[in-house]
PDB file of N, CA and C in Angstrom:
ATOM      1  N   MET A   1     -10.903  -0.112  -2.179  1.00  0.00           N
ATOM      2  CA  MET A   1      -9.607   0.563  -2.138  1.00  0.00           C
ATOM      3  C   MET A   1      -8.486  -0.456  -1.965  1.00  0.00           C
ATOM      4  N   PHE A   2      -8.678  -1.388  -1.030  1.00  0.00           N
ATOM      5  CA  PHE A   2      -7.641  -2.391  -0.781  1.00  0.00           C
ATOM      6  C   PHE A   2      -7.407  -3.261  -2.006  1.00  0.00           C
ATOM      7  N   VAL A   3      -8.489  -3.595  -2.717  1.00  0.00           N
ATOM      8  CA  VAL A   3      -8.373  -4.434  -3.912  1.00  0.00           C
ATOM      9  C   VAL A   3      -7.537  -3.730  -4.969  1.00  0.00           C
ATOM     10  N   LEU A   4      -7.767  -2.443  -5.137  1.00  0.00           N
ATOM     11  CA  LEU A   4      -7.007  -1.661  -6.112  1.00  0.00           C
ATOM     12  C   LEU A   4      -5.521  -1.679  -5.785  1.00  0.00           C
ATOM     13  N   ILE A   5      -5.184  -1.480  -4.525  1.00  0.00           N
ATOM     14  CA  ILE A   5      -3.788  -1.497  -4.089  1.00  0.00           C
ATOM     15  C   ILE A   5      -3.179  -2.877  -4.331  1.00  0.00           C
ATOM     16  N   SER A   6      -3.943  -3.933  -4.056  1.00  0.00           N
ATOM     17  CA  SER A   6      -3.459  -5.294  -4.253  1.00  0.00           C
ATOM     18  C   SER A   6      -3.149  -5.544  -5.721  1.00  0.00           C
ATOM     19  N   LEU A   7      -4.028  -5.105  -6.615  1.00  0.00           N
ATOM     20  CA  LEU A   7      -3.807  -5.281  -8.050  1.00  0.00           C
ATOM     21  C   LEU A   7      -2.563  -4.524  -8.495  1.00  0.00           C
ATOM     22  N   LEU A   8      -2.392  -3.311  -8.002  1.00  0.00           N
ATOM     23  CA  LEU A   8      -1.206  -2.534  -8.347  1.00  0.00           C
ATOM     24  C   LEU A   8       0.055  -3.248  -7.874  1.00  0.00           C
ATOM     25  N   ALA A   9       0.019  -3.786  -6.667  1.00  0.00           N
ATOM     26  CA  ALA A   9       1.169  -4.486  -6.110  1.00  0.00           C
ATOM     27  C   ALA A   9       1.499  -5.725  -6.935  1.00  0.00           C
ATOM     28  N   LEU A  10       0.470  -6.462  -7.349  1.00  0.00           N
ATOM     29  CA  LEU A  10       0.690  -7.681  -8.124  1.00  0.00           C
ATOM     30  C   LEU A  10       1.338  -7.375  -9.466  1.00  0.00           C
ATOM     31  N   THR A  11       0.983  -6.253 -10.081  1.00  0.00           N
ATOM     32  CA  THR A  11       1.527  -5.925 -11.398  1.00  0.00           C
ATOM     33  C   THR A  11       2.881  -5.231 -11.311  1.00  0.00           C
ATOM     34  N   ALA A  12       3.310  -4.862 -10.120  1.00  0.00           N
ATOM     35  CA  ALA A  12       4.508  -4.044  -9.970  1.00  0.00           C
ATOM     36  C   ALA A  12       5.803  -4.852 -10.019  1.00  0.00           C
ATOM     37  N   GLY A  13       5.774  -6.125  -9.619  1.00  0.00           N
ATOM     38  CA  GLY A  13       6.991  -6.921  -9.568  1.00  0.00           C
ATOM     39  C   GLY A  13       7.498  -7.078  -8.150  1.00  0.00           C
ATOM     40  N   CYS A  14       8.207  -8.194  -7.891  1.00  0.00           N
ATOM     41  CA  CYS A  14       8.559  -8.585  -6.520  1.00  0.00           C
ATOM     42  C   CYS A  14       9.380  -7.529  -5.787  1.00  0.00           C
ATOM     43  N   GLU A  15      10.420  -7.001  -6.416  1.00  0.00           N
ATOM     44  CA  GLU A  15      11.272  -6.025  -5.728  1.00  0.00           C
ATOM     45  C   GLU A  15      10.499  -4.769  -5.389  1.00  0.00           C
ATOM     46  N   THR A  16       9.642  -4.341  -6.310  1.00  0.00           N
ATOM     47  CA  THR A  16       8.879  -3.119  -6.087  1.00  0.00           C
ATOM     48  C   THR A  16       7.857  -3.320  -4.990  1.00  0.00           C
ATOM     49  N   ILE A  17       7.313  -4.542  -4.883  1.00  0.00           N
ATOM     50  CA  ILE A  17       6.287  -4.827  -3.879  1.00  0.00           C
ATOM     51  C   ILE A  17       6.821  -4.553  -2.472  1.00  0.00           C
ATOM     52  N   LYS A  18       8.098  -4.859  -2.231  1.00  0.00           N
ATOM     53  CA  LYS A  18       8.669  -4.623  -0.902  1.00  0.00           C
ATOM     54  C   LYS A  18       8.610  -3.142  -0.552  1.00  0.00           C
ATOM     55  N   GLY A  19       9.004  -2.279  -1.490  1.00  0.00           N
ATOM     56  CA  GLY A  19       8.946  -0.838  -1.265  1.00  0.00           C
ATOM     57  C   GLY A  19       7.506  -0.349  -1.214  1.00  0.00           C
ATOM     58  N   LEU A  20       6.670  -0.892  -2.117  1.00  0.00           N
ATOM     59  CA  LEU A  20       5.255  -0.519  -2.139  1.00  0.00           C
ATOM     60  C   LEU A  20       4.590  -0.864  -0.825  1.00  0.00           C
ATOM     61  N   GLY A  21       4.909  -2.026  -0.290  1.00  0.00           N
ATOM     62  CA  GLY A  21       4.302  -2.468   0.962  1.00  0.00           C
ATOM     63  C   GLY A  21       4.554  -1.470   2.077  1.00  0.00           C
ATOM     64  N   ARG A  22       5.790  -0.957   2.134  1.00  0.00           N
ATOM     65  CA  ARG A  22       6.111   0.034   3.166  1.00  0.00           C
ATOM     66  C   ARG A  22       5.318   1.321   2.930  1.00  0.00           C
ATOM     67  N   ASP A  23       5.261   1.751   1.672  1.00  0.00           N
ATOM     68  CA  ASP A  23       4.517   2.977   1.353  1.00  0.00           C
ATOM     69  C   ASP A  23       3.047   2.819   1.688  1.00  0.00           C
ATOM     70  N   ILE A  24       2.483   1.660   1.333  1.00  0.00           N
ATOM     71  CA  ILE A  24       1.064   1.399   1.606  1.00  0.00           C
ATOM     72  C   ILE A  24       0.818   1.375   3.103  1.00  0.00           C
ATOM     73  N   GLN A  25       1.738   0.748   3.847  1.00  0.00           N
ATOM     74  CA  GLN A  25       1.581   0.671   5.302  1.00  0.00           C
ATOM     75  C   GLN A  25       1.614   2.075   5.905  1.00  0.00           C
ATOM     76  N   ASN A  26       2.559   2.893   5.450  1.00  0.00           N
ATOM     77  CA  ASN A  26       2.653   4.271   5.945  1.00  0.00           C
ATOM     78  C   ASN A  26       1.404   5.066   5.592  1.00  0.00           C
ATOM     79  N   ALA A  27       0.926   4.909   4.364  1.00  0.00           N
ATOM     80  CA  ALA A  27      -0.288   5.609   3.938  1.00  0.00           C
ATOM     81  C   ALA A  27      -1.477   5.145   4.766  1.00  0.00           C
ATOM     82  N   GLY A  28      -1.555   3.851   5.022  1.00  0.00           N
ATOM     83  CA  GLY A  28      -2.648   3.306   5.822  1.00  0.00           C
ATOM     84  C   GLY A  28      -2.641   3.876   7.228  1.00  0.00           C
ATOM     85  N   GLU A  29      -1.453   3.990   7.817  1.00  0.00           N
ATOM     86  CA  GLU A  29      -1.351   4.556   9.161  1.00  0.00           C
ATOM     87  C   GLU A  29      -1.751   6.029   9.147  1.00  0.00           C
ATOM     88  N   ALA A  30      -1.355   6.747   8.109  1.00  0.00           N
ATOM     89  CA  ALA A  30      -1.722   8.161   7.998  1.00  0.00           C
ATOM     90  C   ALA A  30      -3.235   8.305   7.876  1.00  0.00           C
ATOM     91  N   ILE A  31      -3.855   7.426   7.089  1.00  0.00           N
ATOM     92  CA  ILE A  31      -5.313   7.453   6.936  1.00  0.00           C
ATOM     93  C   ILE A  31      -5.982   7.135   8.266  1.00  0.00           C
ATOM     94  N   ASP A  32      -5.461   6.138   8.972  1.00  0.00           N
ATOM     95  CA  ASP A  32      -6.016   5.781  10.286  1.00  0.00           C
ATOM     96  C   ASP A  32      -5.961   6.978  11.232  1.00  0.00           C
ATOM     97  N   ASP A  33      -4.827   7.677  11.237  1.00  0.00           N
ATOM     98  CA  ASP A  33      -4.683   8.854  12.101  1.00  0.00           C
ATOM     99  C   ASP A  33      -5.678   9.941  11.698  1.00  0.00           C
ATOM    100  N   ALA A  34      -5.861  10.121  10.387  1.00  0.00           N
ATOM    101  CA  ALA A  34      -6.778  11.153   9.908  1.00  0.00           C
ATOM    102  C   ALA A  34      -8.220  10.824  10.292  1.00  0.00           C
ATOM    103  N   VAL A  35      -8.566   9.545  10.238  1.00  0.00           N
ATOM    104  CA  VAL A  35      -9.935   9.125  10.570  1.00  0.00           C
ATOM    105  C   VAL A  35     -10.206   9.325  12.053  1.00  0.00           C
ATOM    106  N   ARG A  36      -9.213   9.042  12.882  1.00  0.00           N
ATOM    107  CA  ARG A  36      -9.365   9.240  14.319  1.00  0.00           C
ATOM    108  C   ARG A  36      -9.253  10.688  14.632  1.00  0.00           C
TER     109      ARG A  36
END
């Protein structure tokens, strides 16, 4: 899963990566909460 996100981020472009990073971080936290 992480590899897929990394590939998407690499192909998205530098400016988009900043926004993507926040979205990914938020999604990751939501997943962590769901798992717990």
